[in-house]
Amino acid sequence: MGTERTRDLQQIIEDLIARVGWSRKALARQLHWELNDTDDEDELKRFEERLKKELTRSTTKPELLEHYLDVIRQLPECEKAGLVVPQYIGSKHLDSEIEEALRNISSDLSTSLRNKNPD
C-alpha cells in the first residue's frame, strides 16, 4: 500500500540525519522538542518509537513525512551544515501526469548528484 513518494521521503530523511550525524533517536528528540510544548520523558520515548516505525513503514502518509521535513529544514544543525533539503510544492495548474514526471526527473537528478558526490 506504500507509495513511492513515501519511500522517497523516508530516504531523504535518512540521508539527512546521516549527513548531520544524528541517529533516529536524536532526530526524534529534535522533532519532539520542535513540535510539542512538553518535555515529558515518557511522551518523548513514545514519539521515538513512533518515528522509528514511520521511517520504515510503507504505509506512512507522505504528508506526515513532508511535515517532518519542513521542521527539519528549519533546525539550526541543518542550516549550519549547509544542507539543502529537497522540497516539492505541487501546482494546481499542471496535469497530474506532468507533475509525476517532474517529480521523477527531480528524484533522478538528486540520486545522480548523491552518487556522484558522496560525503
PDB file of N, CA and C in Angstrom:
ATOM      1  N   MET A   1       0.828  -1.198   0.000  1.00  0.00           N
ATOM      2  CA  MET A   1       0.000   0.000   0.000  1.00  0.00           C
ATOM      3  C   MET A   1       0.867   1.256   0.000  1.00  0.00           C
ATOM      4  N   GLY A   2       2.132   1.076   0.311  1.00  0.00           N
ATOM      5  CA  GLY A   2       3.024   2.224   0.360  1.00  0.00           C
ATOM      6  C   GLY A   2       3.229   2.843  -1.005  1.00  0.00           C
ATOM      7  N   THR A   3       3.530   4.092  -0.978  1.00  0.00           N
ATOM      8  CA  THR A   3       3.739   4.797  -2.233  1.00  0.00           C
ATOM      9  C   THR A   3       5.218   5.060  -2.445  1.00  0.00           C
ATOM     10  N   GLU A   4       5.551   5.292  -3.679  1.00  0.00           N
ATOM     11  CA  GLU A   4       6.929   5.643  -3.996  1.00  0.00           C
ATOM     12  C   GLU A   4       7.300   6.951  -3.313  1.00  0.00           C
ATOM     13  N   ARG A   5       6.342   7.858  -3.213  1.00  0.00           N
ATOM     14  CA  ARG A   5       6.591   9.149  -2.557  1.00  0.00           C
ATOM     15  C   ARG A   5       6.973   8.938  -1.086  1.00  0.00           C
ATOM     16  N   THR A   6       6.289   8.025  -0.418  1.00  0.00           N
ATOM     17  CA  THR A   6       6.608   7.717   0.976  1.00  0.00           C
ATOM     18  C   THR A   6       8.033   7.195   1.081  1.00  0.00           C
ATOM     19  N   ARG A   7       8.393   6.247   0.218  1.00  0.00           N
ATOM     20  CA  ARG A   7       9.752   5.688   0.256  1.00  0.00           C
ATOM     21  C   ARG A   7      10.793   6.765  -0.047  1.00  0.00           C
ATOM     22  N   ASP A   8      10.502   7.648  -1.006  1.00  0.00           N
ATOM     23  CA  ASP A   8      11.440   8.732  -1.332  1.00  0.00           C
ATOM     24  C   ASP A   8      11.647   9.658  -0.134  1.00  0.00           C
ATOM     25  N   LEU A   9      10.561  10.031   0.520  1.00  0.00           N
ATOM     26  CA  LEU A   9      10.654  10.934   1.678  1.00  0.00           C
ATOM     27  C   LEU A   9      11.389  10.271   2.833  1.00  0.00           C
ATOM     28  N   GLN A  10      11.121   8.993   3.051  1.00  0.00           N
ATOM     29  CA  GLN A  10      11.834   8.274   4.108  1.00  0.00           C
ATOM     30  C   GLN A  10      13.334   8.266   3.811  1.00  0.00           C
ATOM     31  N   GLN A  11      13.712   8.048   2.555  1.00  0.00           N
ATOM     32  CA  GLN A  11      15.120   8.024   2.184  1.00  0.00           C
ATOM     33  C   GLN A  11      15.758   9.405   2.341  1.00  0.00           C
ATOM     34  N   ILE A  12      15.023  10.451   1.972  1.00  0.00           N
ATOM     35  CA  ILE A  12      15.537  11.819   2.133  1.00  0.00           C
ATOM     36  C   ILE A  12      15.824  12.096   3.604  1.00  0.00           C
ATOM     37  N   ILE A  13      14.899  11.714   4.471  1.00  0.00           N
ATOM     38  CA  ILE A  13      15.094  11.939   5.905  1.00  0.00           C
ATOM     39  C   ILE A  13      16.275  11.126   6.417  1.00  0.00           C
ATOM     40  N   GLU A  14      16.379   9.870   6.005  1.00  0.00           N
ATOM     41  CA  GLU A  14      17.506   9.032   6.435  1.00  0.00           C
ATOM     42  C   GLU A  14      18.837   9.626   5.959  1.00  0.00           C
ATOM     43  N   ASP A  15      18.882  10.108   4.725  1.00  0.00           N
ATOM     44  CA  ASP A  15      20.108  10.722   4.198  1.00  0.00           C
ATOM     45  C   ASP A  15      20.479  11.972   4.990  1.00  0.00           C
ATOM     46  N   LEU A  16      19.477  12.769   5.313  1.00  0.00           N
ATOM     47  CA  LEU A  16      19.732  13.998   6.066  1.00  0.00           C
ATOM     48  C   LEU A  16      20.302  13.720   7.444  1.00  0.00           C
ATOM     49  N   ILE A  17      19.700  12.786   8.146  1.00  0.00           N
ATOM     50  CA  ILE A  17      20.192  12.534   9.503  1.00  0.00           C
ATOM     51  C   ILE A  17      21.588  11.921   9.459  1.00  0.00           C
ATOM     52  N   ALA A  18      21.879  11.156   8.416  1.00  0.00           N
ATOM     53  CA  ALA A  18      23.227  10.605   8.283  1.00  0.00           C
ATOM     54  C   ALA A  18      24.239  11.724   8.037  1.00  0.00           C
ATOM     55  N   ARG A  19      23.875  12.691   7.212  1.00  0.00           N
ATOM     56  CA  ARG A  19      24.794  13.791   6.900  1.00  0.00           C
ATOM     57  C   ARG A  19      25.004  14.716   8.088  1.00  0.00           C
ATOM     58  N   VAL A  20      23.980  14.865   8.925  1.00  0.00           N
ATOM     59  CA  VAL A  20      24.113  15.713  10.108  1.00  0.00           C
ATOM     60  C   VAL A  20      24.792  14.930  11.240  1.00  0.00           C
ATOM     61  N   GLY A  21      24.762  13.599  11.142  1.00  0.00           N
ATOM     62  CA  GLY A  21      25.392  12.779  12.167  1.00  0.00           C
ATOM     63  C   GLY A  21      24.463  12.400  13.294  1.00  0.00           C
ATOM     64  N   TRP A  22      23.179  12.384  13.025  1.00  0.00           N
ATOM     65  CA  TRP A  22      22.195  12.031  14.039  1.00  0.00           C
ATOM     66  C   TRP A  22      21.761  10.582  13.875  1.00  0.00           C
ATOM     67  N   SER A  23      21.262  10.028  14.947  1.00  0.00           N
ATOM     68  CA  SER A  23      20.562   8.750  14.907  1.00  0.00           C
ATOM     69  C   SER A  23      19.069   9.072  14.753  1.00  0.00           C
ATOM     70  N   ARG A  24      18.275   8.043  14.548  1.00  0.00           N
ATOM     71  CA  ARG A  24      16.815   8.270  14.504  1.00  0.00           C
ATOM     72  C   ARG A  24      16.331   8.804  15.854  1.00  0.00           C
ATOM     73  N   LYS A  25      16.955   8.320  16.913  1.00  0.00           N
ATOM     74  CA  LYS A  25      16.572   8.765  18.258  1.00  0.00           C
ATOM     75  C   LYS A  25      16.865  10.257  18.425  1.00  0.00           C
ATOM     76  N   ALA A  26      18.023  10.702  17.950  1.00  0.00           N
ATOM     77  CA  ALA A  26      18.369  12.124  18.051  1.00  0.00           C
ATOM     78  C   ALA A  26      17.412  12.965  17.216  1.00  0.00           C
ATOM     79  N   LEU A  27      17.056  12.471  16.028  1.00  0.00           N
ATOM     80  CA  LEU A  27      16.083  13.185  15.206  1.00  0.00           C
ATOM     81  C   LEU A  27      14.745  13.263  15.919  1.00  0.00           C
ATOM     82  N   ALA A  28      14.333  12.163  16.521  1.00  0.00           N
ATOM     83  CA  ALA A  28      13.048  12.138  17.239  1.00  0.00           C
ATOM     84  C   ALA A  28      13.047  13.181  18.353  1.00  0.00           C
ATOM     85  N   ARG A  29      14.142  13.299  19.066  1.00  0.00           N
ATOM     86  CA  ARG A  29      14.224  14.295  20.145  1.00  0.00           C
ATOM     87  C   ARG A  29      14.098  15.714  19.571  1.00  0.00           C
ATOM     88  N   GLN A  30      14.814  15.985  18.485  1.00  0.00           N
ATOM     89  CA  GLN A  30      14.743  17.313  17.873  1.00  0.00           C
ATOM     90  C   GLN A  30      13.321  17.627  17.399  1.00  0.00           C
ATOM     91  N   LEU A  31      12.716  16.670  16.704  1.00  0.00           N
ATOM     92  CA  LEU A  31      11.356  16.891  16.216  1.00  0.00           C
ATOM     93  C   LEU A  31      10.375  17.056  17.368  1.00  0.00           C
ATOM     94  N   HIS A  32      10.513  16.224  18.381  1.00  0.00           N
ATOM     95  CA  HIS A  32       9.594  16.301  19.524  1.00  0.00           C
ATOM     96  C   HIS A  32       9.689  17.664  20.192  1.00  0.00           C
ATOM     97  N   TRP A  33      10.890  18.154  20.382  1.00  0.00           N
ATOM     98  CA  TRP A  33      11.069  19.467  21.027  1.00  0.00           C
ATOM     99  C   TRP A  33      10.470  20.575  20.170  1.00  0.00           C
ATOM    100  N   GLU A  34      10.575  20.447  18.858  1.00  0.00           N
ATOM    101  CA  GLU A  34      10.033  21.473  17.961  1.00  0.00           C
ATOM    102  C   GLU A  34       8.506  21.406  17.852  1.00  0.00           C
ATOM    103  N   LEU A  35       7.953  20.212  17.945  1.00  0.00           N
ATOM    104  CA  LEU A  35       6.523  20.027  17.692  1.00  0.00           C
ATOM    105  C   LEU A  35       5.658  20.057  18.948  1.00  0.00           C
ATOM    106  N   ASN A  36       6.268  19.946  20.114  1.00  0.00           N
ATOM    107  CA  ASN A  36       5.480  19.845  21.350  1.00  0.00           C
ATOM    108  C   ASN A  36       5.934  20.859  22.383  1.00  0.00           C
ATOM    109  N   ASP A  37       5.013  21.186  23.265  1.00  0.00           N
ATOM    110  CA  ASP A  37       5.300  22.142  24.329  1.00  0.00           C
ATOM    111  C   ASP A  37       5.756  21.465  25.611  1.00  0.00           C
ATOM    112  N   THR A  38       5.891  20.162  25.568  1.00  0.00           N
ATOM    113  CA  THR A  38       6.223  19.424  26.776  1.00  0.00           C
ATOM    114  C   THR A  38       7.561  18.707  26.636  1.00  0.00           C
ATOM    115  N   ASP A  39       8.199  18.483  27.761  1.00  0.00           N
ATOM    116  CA  ASP A  39       9.446  17.729  27.790  1.00  0.00           C
ATOM    117  C   ASP A  39       9.266  16.424  28.563  1.00  0.00           C
ATOM    118  N   ASP A  40       8.050  15.899  28.557  1.00  0.00           N
ATOM    119  CA  ASP A  40       7.733  14.662  29.258  1.00  0.00           C
ATOM    120  C   ASP A  40       8.561  13.512  28.673  1.00  0.00           C
ATOM    121  N   GLU A  41       9.362  12.877  29.505  1.00  0.00           N
ATOM    122  CA  GLU A  41      10.284  11.818  29.052  1.00  0.00           C
ATOM    123  C   GLU A  41       9.533  10.609  28.506  1.00  0.00           C
ATOM    124  N   ASP A  42       8.403  10.233  29.112  1.00  0.00           N
ATOM    125  CA  ASP A  42       7.632   9.091  28.615  1.00  0.00           C
ATOM    126  C   ASP A  42       7.048   9.399  27.234  1.00  0.00           C
ATOM    127  N   GLU A  43       6.543  10.599  27.084  1.00  0.00           N
ATOM    128  CA  GLU A  43       5.989  11.004  25.790  1.00  0.00           C
ATOM    129  C   GLU A  43       7.092  11.021  24.731  1.00  0.00           C
ATOM    130  N   LEU A  44       8.260  11.477  25.102  1.00  0.00           N
ATOM    131  CA  LEU A  44       9.395  11.511  24.186  1.00  0.00           C
ATOM    132  C   LEU A  44       9.768  10.101  23.740  1.00  0.00           C
ATOM    133  N   LYS A  45       9.800   9.167  24.646  1.00  0.00           N
ATOM    134  CA  LYS A  45      10.130   7.775  24.293  1.00  0.00           C
ATOM    135  C   LYS A  45       9.083   7.183  23.354  1.00  0.00           C
ATOM    136  N   ARG A  46       7.804   7.489  23.579  1.00  0.00           N
ATOM    137  CA  ARG A  46       6.755   7.010  22.681  1.00  0.00           C
ATOM    138  C   ARG A  46       6.927   7.609  21.287  1.00  0.00           C
ATOM    139  N   PHE A  47       7.284   8.901  21.233  1.00  0.00           N
ATOM    140  CA  PHE A  47       7.497   9.551  19.948  1.00  0.00           C
ATOM    141  C   PHE A  47       8.699   8.945  19.220  1.00  0.00           C
ATOM    142  N   GLU A  48       9.763   8.622  19.959  1.00  0.00           N
ATOM    143  CA  GLU A  48      10.938   7.987  19.355  1.00  0.00           C
ATOM    144  C   GLU A  48      10.546   6.676  18.681  1.00  0.00           C
ATOM    145  N   GLU A  49       9.757   5.865  19.364  1.00  0.00           N
ATOM    146  CA  GLU A  49       9.315   4.578  18.806  1.00  0.00           C
ATOM    147  C   GLU A  49       8.409   4.791  17.593  1.00  0.00           C
ATOM    148  N   ARG A  50       7.513   5.756  17.700  1.00  0.00           N
ATOM    149  CA  ARG A  50       6.592   6.031  16.598  1.00  0.00           C
ATOM    150  C   ARG A  50       7.354   6.516  15.360  1.00  0.00           C
ATOM    151  N   LEU A  51       8.324   7.415  15.563  1.00  0.00           N
ATOM    152  CA  LEU A  51       9.100   7.924  14.435  1.00  0.00           C
ATOM    153  C   LEU A  51       9.898   6.806  13.775  1.00  0.00           C
ATOM    154  N   LYS A  52      10.473   5.926  14.595  1.00  0.00           N
ATOM    155  CA  LYS A  52      11.236   4.799  14.047  1.00  0.00           C
ATOM    156  C   LYS A  52      10.350   3.977  13.105  1.00  0.00           C
ATOM    157  N   LYS A  53       9.118   3.741  13.501  1.00  0.00           N
ATOM    158  CA  LYS A  53       8.187   2.975  12.668  1.00  0.00           C
ATOM    159  C   LYS A  53       7.778   3.776  11.426  1.00  0.00           C
ATOM    160  N   GLU A  54       7.556   5.080  11.600  1.00  0.00           N
ATOM    161  CA  GLU A  54       7.137   5.922  10.468  1.00  0.00           C
ATOM    162  C   GLU A  54       8.219   6.011   9.398  1.00  0.00           C
ATOM    163  N   LEU A  55       9.473   5.863   9.798  1.00  0.00           N
ATOM    164  CA  LEU A  55      10.569   5.941   8.832  1.00  0.00           C
ATOM    165  C   LEU A  55      10.854   4.612   8.142  1.00  0.00           C
ATOM    166  N   THR A  56      10.132   3.560   8.545  1.00  0.00           N
ATOM    167  CA  THR A  56      10.353   2.260   7.906  1.00  0.00           C
ATOM    168  C   THR A  56       9.092   1.683   7.265  1.00  0.00           C
ATOM    169  N   ARG A  57       7.944   2.089   7.723  1.00  0.00           N
ATOM    170  CA  ARG A  57       6.703   1.504   7.191  1.00  0.00           C
ATOM    171  C   ARG A  57       6.292   2.168   5.881  1.00  0.00           C
ATOM    172  N   SER A  58       5.886   1.334   4.952  1.00  0.00           N
ATOM    173  CA  SER A  58       5.451   1.860   3.654  1.00  0.00           C
ATOM    174  C   SER A  58       4.069   2.507   3.727  1.00  0.00           C
ATOM    175  N   THR A  59       3.373   2.311   4.842  1.00  0.00           N
ATOM    176  CA  THR A  59       2.032   2.872   4.988  1.00  0.00           C
ATOM    177  C   THR A  59       2.022   4.276   5.588  1.00  0.00           C
ATOM    178  N   THR A  60       3.201   4.805   5.916  1.00  0.00           N
ATOM    179  CA  THR A  60       3.276   6.155   6.478  1.00  0.00           C
ATOM    180  C   THR A  60       2.800   7.160   5.442  1.00  0.00           C
ATOM    181  N   LYS A  61       1.973   8.082   5.871  1.00  0.00           N
ATOM    182  CA  LYS A  61       1.437   9.091   4.953  1.00  0.00           C
ATOM    183  C   LYS A  61       2.545  10.063   4.538  1.00  0.00           C
ATOM    184  N   PRO A  62       2.665  10.334   3.237  1.00  0.00           N
ATOM    185  CA  PRO A  62       3.688  11.270   2.764  1.00  0.00           C
ATOM    186  C   PRO A  62       3.539  12.660   3.380  1.00  0.00           C
ATOM    187  N   GLU A  63       2.313  13.061   3.660  1.00  0.00           N
ATOM    188  CA  GLU A  63       2.072  14.386   4.245  1.00  0.00           C
ATOM    189  C   GLU A  63       2.754  14.527   5.606  1.00  0.00           C
ATOM    190  N   LEU A  64       2.750  13.454   6.377  1.00  0.00           N
ATOM    191  CA  LEU A  64       3.405  13.483   7.684  1.00  0.00           C
ATOM    192  C   LEU A  64       4.920  13.630   7.516  1.00  0.00           C
ATOM    193  N   LEU A  65       5.484  12.865   6.594  1.00  0.00           N
ATOM    194  CA  LEU A  65       6.920  12.944   6.344  1.00  0.00           C
ATOM    195  C   LEU A  65       7.306  14.315   5.793  1.00  0.00           C
ATOM    196  N   GLU A  66       6.462  14.890   4.948  1.00  0.00           N
ATOM    197  CA  GLU A  66       6.722  16.239   4.434  1.00  0.00           C
ATOM    198  C   GLU A  66       6.699  17.263   5.564  1.00  0.00           C
ATOM    199  N   HIS A  67       5.785  17.066   6.516  1.00  0.00           N
ATOM    200  CA  HIS A  67       5.728  17.955   7.682  1.00  0.00           C
ATOM    201  C   HIS A  67       7.025  17.855   8.490  1.00  0.00           C
ATOM    202  N   TYR A  68       7.492  16.631   8.698  1.00  0.00           N
ATOM    203  CA  TYR A  68       8.754  16.452   9.402  1.00  0.00           C
ATOM    204  C   TYR A  68       9.896  17.150   8.657  1.00  0.00           C
ATOM    205  N   LEU A  69       9.913  17.020   7.329  1.00  0.00           N
ATOM    206  CA  LEU A  69      10.964  17.679   6.548  1.00  0.00           C
ATOM    207  C   LEU A  69      10.895  19.190   6.680  1.00  0.00           C
ATOM    208  N   ASP A  70       9.688  19.742   6.728  1.00  0.00           N
ATOM    209  CA  ASP A  70       9.547  21.189   6.919  1.00  0.00           C
ATOM    210  C   ASP A  70      10.195  21.626   8.231  1.00  0.00           C
ATOM    211  N   VAL A  71       9.996  20.826   9.278  1.00  0.00           N
ATOM    212  CA  VAL A  71      10.584  21.145  10.582  1.00  0.00           C
ATOM    213  C   VAL A  71      12.103  20.972  10.524  1.00  0.00           C
ATOM    214  N   ILE A  72      12.553  19.884   9.917  1.00  0.00           N
ATOM    215  CA  ILE A  72      13.995  19.607   9.829  1.00  0.00           C
ATOM    216  C   ILE A  72      14.714  20.725   9.087  1.00  0.00           C
ATOM    217  N   ARG A  73      14.102  21.245   8.030  1.00  0.00           N
ATOM    218  CA  ARG A  73      14.706  22.324   7.242  1.00  0.00           C
ATOM    219  C   ARG A  73      15.071  23.524   8.098  1.00  0.00           C
ATOM    220  N   GLN A  74      14.295  23.757   9.133  1.00  0.00           N
ATOM    221  CA  GLN A  74      14.460  24.951   9.962  1.00  0.00           C
ATOM    222  C   GLN A  74      15.368  24.733  11.169  1.00  0.00           C
ATOM    223  N   LEU A  75      15.828  23.512  11.369  1.00  0.00           N
ATOM    224  CA  LEU A  75      16.690  23.238  12.518  1.00  0.00           C
ATOM    225  C   LEU A  75      18.072  23.845  12.288  1.00  0.00           C
ATOM    226  N   PRO A  76      18.625  24.468  13.310  1.00  0.00           N
ATOM    227  CA  PRO A  76      19.936  25.127  13.171  1.00  0.00           C
ATOM    228  C   PRO A  76      21.040  24.185  12.694  1.00  0.00           C
ATOM    229  N   GLU A  77      20.999  22.925  13.114  1.00  0.00           N
ATOM    230  CA  GLU A  77      22.032  21.976  12.716  1.00  0.00           C
ATOM    231  C   GLU A  77      22.052  21.761  11.208  1.00  0.00           C
ATOM    232  N   CYS A  78      20.878  21.734  10.587  1.00  0.00           N
ATOM    233  CA  CYS A  78      20.802  21.573   9.133  1.00  0.00           C
ATOM    234  C   CYS A  78      21.256  22.841   8.432  1.00  0.00           C
ATOM    235  N   GLU A  79      20.888  23.975   8.975  1.00  0.00           N
ATOM    236  CA  GLU A  79      21.318  25.244   8.386  1.00  0.00           C
ATOM    237  C   GLU A  79      22.832  25.401   8.493  1.00  0.00           C
ATOM    238  N   LYS A  80      23.403  25.056   9.656  1.00  0.00           N
ATOM    239  CA  LYS A  80      24.847  25.167   9.850  1.00  0.00           C
ATOM    240  C   LYS A  80      25.609  24.242   8.908  1.00  0.00           C
ATOM    241  N   ALA A  81      25.057  23.068   8.677  1.00  0.00           N
ATOM    242  CA  ALA A  81      25.717  22.086   7.814  1.00  0.00           C
ATOM    243  C   ALA A  81      25.580  22.460   6.342  1.00  0.00           C
ATOM    244  N   GLY A  82      24.759  23.473   6.050  1.00  0.00           N
ATOM    245  CA  GLY A  82      24.574  23.900   4.664  1.00  0.00           C
ATOM    246  C   GLY A  82      23.818  22.892   3.830  1.00  0.00           C
ATOM    247  N   LEU A  83      22.987  22.100   4.486  1.00  0.00           N
ATOM    248  CA  LEU A  83      22.236  21.082   3.757  1.00  0.00           C
ATOM    249  C   LEU A  83      21.036  21.686   3.048  1.00  0.00           C
ATOM    250  N   VAL A  84      20.835  21.246   1.836  1.00  0.00           N
ATOM    251  CA  VAL A  84      19.663  21.659   1.088  1.00  0.00           C
ATOM    252  C   VAL A  84      18.694  20.495   1.126  1.00  0.00           C
ATOM    253  N   VAL A  85      17.524  20.751   1.660  1.00  0.00           N
ATOM    254  CA  VAL A  85      16.509  19.717   1.770  1.00  0.00           C
ATOM    255  C   VAL A  85      15.551  19.855   0.600  1.00  0.00           C
ATOM    256  N   PRO A  86      15.430  18.811  -0.211  1.00  0.00           N
ATOM    257  CA  PRO A  86      14.506  18.904  -1.340  1.00  0.00           C
ATOM    258  C   PRO A  86      13.087  19.183  -0.862  1.00  0.00           C
ATOM    259  N   GLN A  87      12.405  20.017  -1.595  1.00  0.00           N
ATOM    260  CA  GLN A  87      11.034  20.351  -1.232  1.00  0.00           C
ATOM    261  C   GLN A  87      10.194  20.438  -2.492  1.00  0.00           C
ATOM    262  N   TYR A  88       9.154  19.627  -2.556  1.00  0.00           N
ATOM    263  CA  TYR A  88       8.251  19.657  -3.690  1.00  0.00           C
ATOM    264  C   TYR A  88       7.029  20.476  -3.317  1.00  0.00           C
ATOM    265  N   ILE A  89       6.678  21.397  -4.175  1.00  0.00           N
ATOM    266  CA  ILE A  89       5.471  22.188  -3.991  1.00  0.00           C
ATOM    267  C   ILE A  89       4.581  21.925  -5.193  1.00  0.00           C
ATOM    268  N   GLY A  90       3.470  21.287  -4.951  1.00  0.00           N
ATOM    269  CA  GLY A  90       2.561  20.924  -6.024  1.00  0.00           C
ATOM    270  C   GLY A  90       1.888  22.142  -6.646  1.00  0.00           C
ATOM    271  N   SER A  91       1.469  21.957  -7.860  1.00  0.00           N
ATOM    272  CA  SER A  91       0.796  23.016  -8.589  1.00  0.00           C
ATOM    273  C   SER A  91      -0.579  22.533  -9.022  1.00  0.00           C
ATOM    274  N   LYS A  92      -1.549  23.369  -8.883  1.00  0.00           N
ATOM    275  CA  LYS A  92      -2.891  23.002  -9.323  1.00  0.00           C
ATOM    276  C   LYS A  92      -3.085  23.306 -10.806  1.00  0.00           C
ATOM    277  N   HIS A  93      -2.034  23.836 -11.427  1.00  0.00           N
ATOM    278  CA  HIS A  93      -2.135  24.248 -12.821  1.00  0.00           C
ATOM    279  C   HIS A  93      -1.621  23.194 -13.787  1.00  0.00           C
ATOM    280  N   LEU A  94      -0.914  22.205 -13.281  1.00  0.00           N
ATOM    281  CA  LEU A  94      -0.350  21.171 -14.143  1.00  0.00           C
ATOM    282  C   LEU A  94      -1.147  19.883 -14.023  1.00  0.00           C
ATOM    283  N   ASP A  95      -1.148  19.149 -15.110  1.00  0.00           N
ATOM    284  CA  ASP A  95      -1.768  17.839 -15.133  1.00  0.00           C
ATOM    285  C   ASP A  95      -0.999  16.920 -14.177  1.00  0.00           C
ATOM    286  N   SER A  96      -1.681  16.005 -13.525  1.00  0.00           N
ATOM    287  CA  SER A  96      -1.040  15.126 -12.543  1.00  0.00           C
ATOM    288  C   SER A  96       0.064  14.275 -13.178  1.00  0.00           C
ATOM    289  N   GLU A  97      -0.092  13.897 -14.440  1.00  0.00           N
ATOM    290  CA  GLU A  97       0.951  13.112 -15.120  1.00  0.00           C
ATOM    291  C   GLU A  97       2.221  13.942 -15.313  1.00  0.00           C
ATOM    292  N   ILE A  98       2.058  15.221 -15.610  1.00  0.00           N
ATOM    293  CA  ILE A  98       3.213  16.106 -15.775  1.00  0.00           C
ATOM    294  C   ILE A  98       3.906  16.301 -14.436  1.00  0.00           C
ATOM    295  N   GLU A  99       3.128  16.500 -13.384  1.00  0.00           N
ATOM    296  CA  GLU A  99       3.721  16.657 -12.053  1.00  0.00           C
ATOM    297  C   GLU A  99       4.492  15.410 -11.655  1.00  0.00           C
ATOM    298  N   GLU A 100       3.935  14.248 -11.947  1.00  0.00           N
ATOM    299  CA  GLU A 100       4.624  12.994 -11.615  1.00  0.00           C
ATOM    300  C   GLU A 100       5.926  12.878 -12.404  1.00  0.00           C
ATOM    301  N   ALA A 101       5.906  13.255 -13.670  1.00  0.00           N
ATOM    302  CA  ALA A 101       7.120  13.210 -14.486  1.00  0.00           C
ATOM    303  C   ALA A 101       8.177  14.178 -13.936  1.00  0.00           C
ATOM    304  N   LEU A 102       7.761  15.363 -13.525  1.00  0.00           N
ATOM    305  CA  LEU A 102       8.702  16.332 -12.955  1.00  0.00           C
ATOM    306  C   LEU A 102       9.287  15.822 -11.639  1.00  0.00           C
ATOM    307  N   ARG A 103       8.457  15.184 -10.826  1.00  0.00           N
ATOM    308  CA  ARG A 103       8.942  14.605  -9.577  1.00  0.00           C
ATOM    309  C   ARG A 103       9.984  13.520  -9.860  1.00  0.00           C
ATOM    310  N   ASN A 104       9.716  12.702 -10.874  1.00  0.00           N
ATOM    311  CA  ASN A 104      10.654  11.629 -11.230  1.00  0.00           C
ATOM    312  C   ASN A 104      11.982  12.189 -11.726  1.00  0.00           C
ATOM    313  N   ILE A 105      11.926  13.229 -12.538  1.00  0.00           N
ATOM    314  CA  ILE A 105      13.151  13.871 -13.019  1.00  0.00           C
ATOM    315  C   ILE A 105      13.949  14.422 -11.842  1.00  0.00           C
ATOM    316  N   SER A 106      13.259  15.083 -10.932  1.00  0.00           N
ATOM    317  CA  SER A 106      13.916  15.648  -9.753  1.00  0.00           C
ATOM    318  C   SER A 106      14.543  14.552  -8.907  1.00  0.00           C
ATOM    319  N   SER A 107      13.833  13.462  -8.719  1.00  0.00           N
ATOM    320  CA  SER A 107      14.338  12.342  -7.933  1.00  0.00           C
ATOM    321  C   SER A 107      15.578  11.744  -8.589  1.00  0.00           C
ATOM    322  N   ASP A 108      15.514  11.549  -9.902  1.00  0.00           N
ATOM    323  CA  ASP A 108      16.664  11.007 -10.628  1.00  0.00           C
ATOM    324  C   ASP A 108      17.873  11.927 -10.522  1.00  0.00           C
ATOM    325  N   LEU A 109      17.634  13.225 -10.621  1.00  0.00           N
ATOM    326  CA  LEU A 109      18.716  14.196 -10.500  1.00  0.00           C
ATOM    327  C   LEU A 109      19.338  14.157  -9.106  1.00  0.00           C
ATOM    328  N   SER A 110      18.505  14.104  -8.087  1.00  0.00           N
ATOM    329  CA  SER A 110      19.007  14.029  -6.710  1.00  0.00           C
ATOM    330  C   SER A 110      19.833  12.763  -6.501  1.00  0.00           C
ATOM    331  N   THR A 111      19.340  11.645  -7.021  1.00  0.00           N
ATOM    332  CA  THR A 111      20.070  10.386  -6.892  1.00  0.00           C
ATOM    333  C   THR A 111      21.404  10.464  -7.609  1.00  0.00           C
ATOM    334  N   SER A 112      21.401  11.022  -8.793  1.00  0.00           N
ATOM    335  CA  SER A 112      22.631  11.167  -9.572  1.00  0.00           C
ATOM    336  C   SER A 112      23.645  12.030  -8.837  1.00  0.00           C
ATOM    337  N   LEU A 113      23.192  13.140  -8.298  1.00  0.00           N
ATOM    338  CA  LEU A 113      24.093  14.033  -7.565  1.00  0.00           C
ATOM    339  C   LEU A 113      24.618  13.369  -6.299  1.00  0.00           C
ATOM    340  N   ARG A 114      23.767  12.631  -5.630  1.00  0.00           N
ATOM    341  CA  ARG A 114      24.161  11.944  -4.400  1.00  0.00           C
ATOM    342  C   ARG A 114      25.236  10.902  -4.702  1.00  0.00           C
ATOM    343  N   ASN A 115      25.071  10.174  -5.808  1.00  0.00           N
ATOM    344  CA  ASN A 115      26.014   9.126  -6.169  1.00  0.00           C
ATOM    345  C   ASN A 115      27.337   9.702  -6.691  1.00  0.00           C
ATOM    346  N   LYS A 116      27.255  10.856  -7.322  1.00  0.00           N
ATOM    347  CA  LYS A 116      28.434  11.475  -7.897  1.00  0.00           C
ATOM    348  C   LYS A 116      29.288  12.173  -6.840  1.00  0.00           C
ATOM    349  N   ASN A 117      28.647  12.656  -5.792  1.00  0.00           N
ATOM    350  CA  ASN A 117      29.338  13.478  -4.804  1.00  0.00           C
ATOM    351  C   ASN A 117      29.129  12.939  -3.391  1.00  0.00           C
ATOM    352  N   PRO A 118      29.567  11.696  -3.129  1.00  0.00           N
ATOM    353  CA  PRO A 118      29.364  11.148  -1.781  1.00  0.00           C
ATOM    354  C   PRO A 118      30.263  11.855  -0.763  1.00  0.00           C
ATOM    355  N   ASP A 119      29.726  12.019   0.434  1.00  0.00           N
ATOM    356  CA  ASP A 119      30.498  12.690   1.504  1.00  0.00           C
ATOM    357  C   ASP A 119      31.212  11.678   2.349  1.00  0.00           C
TER     358      ASP A 119
END
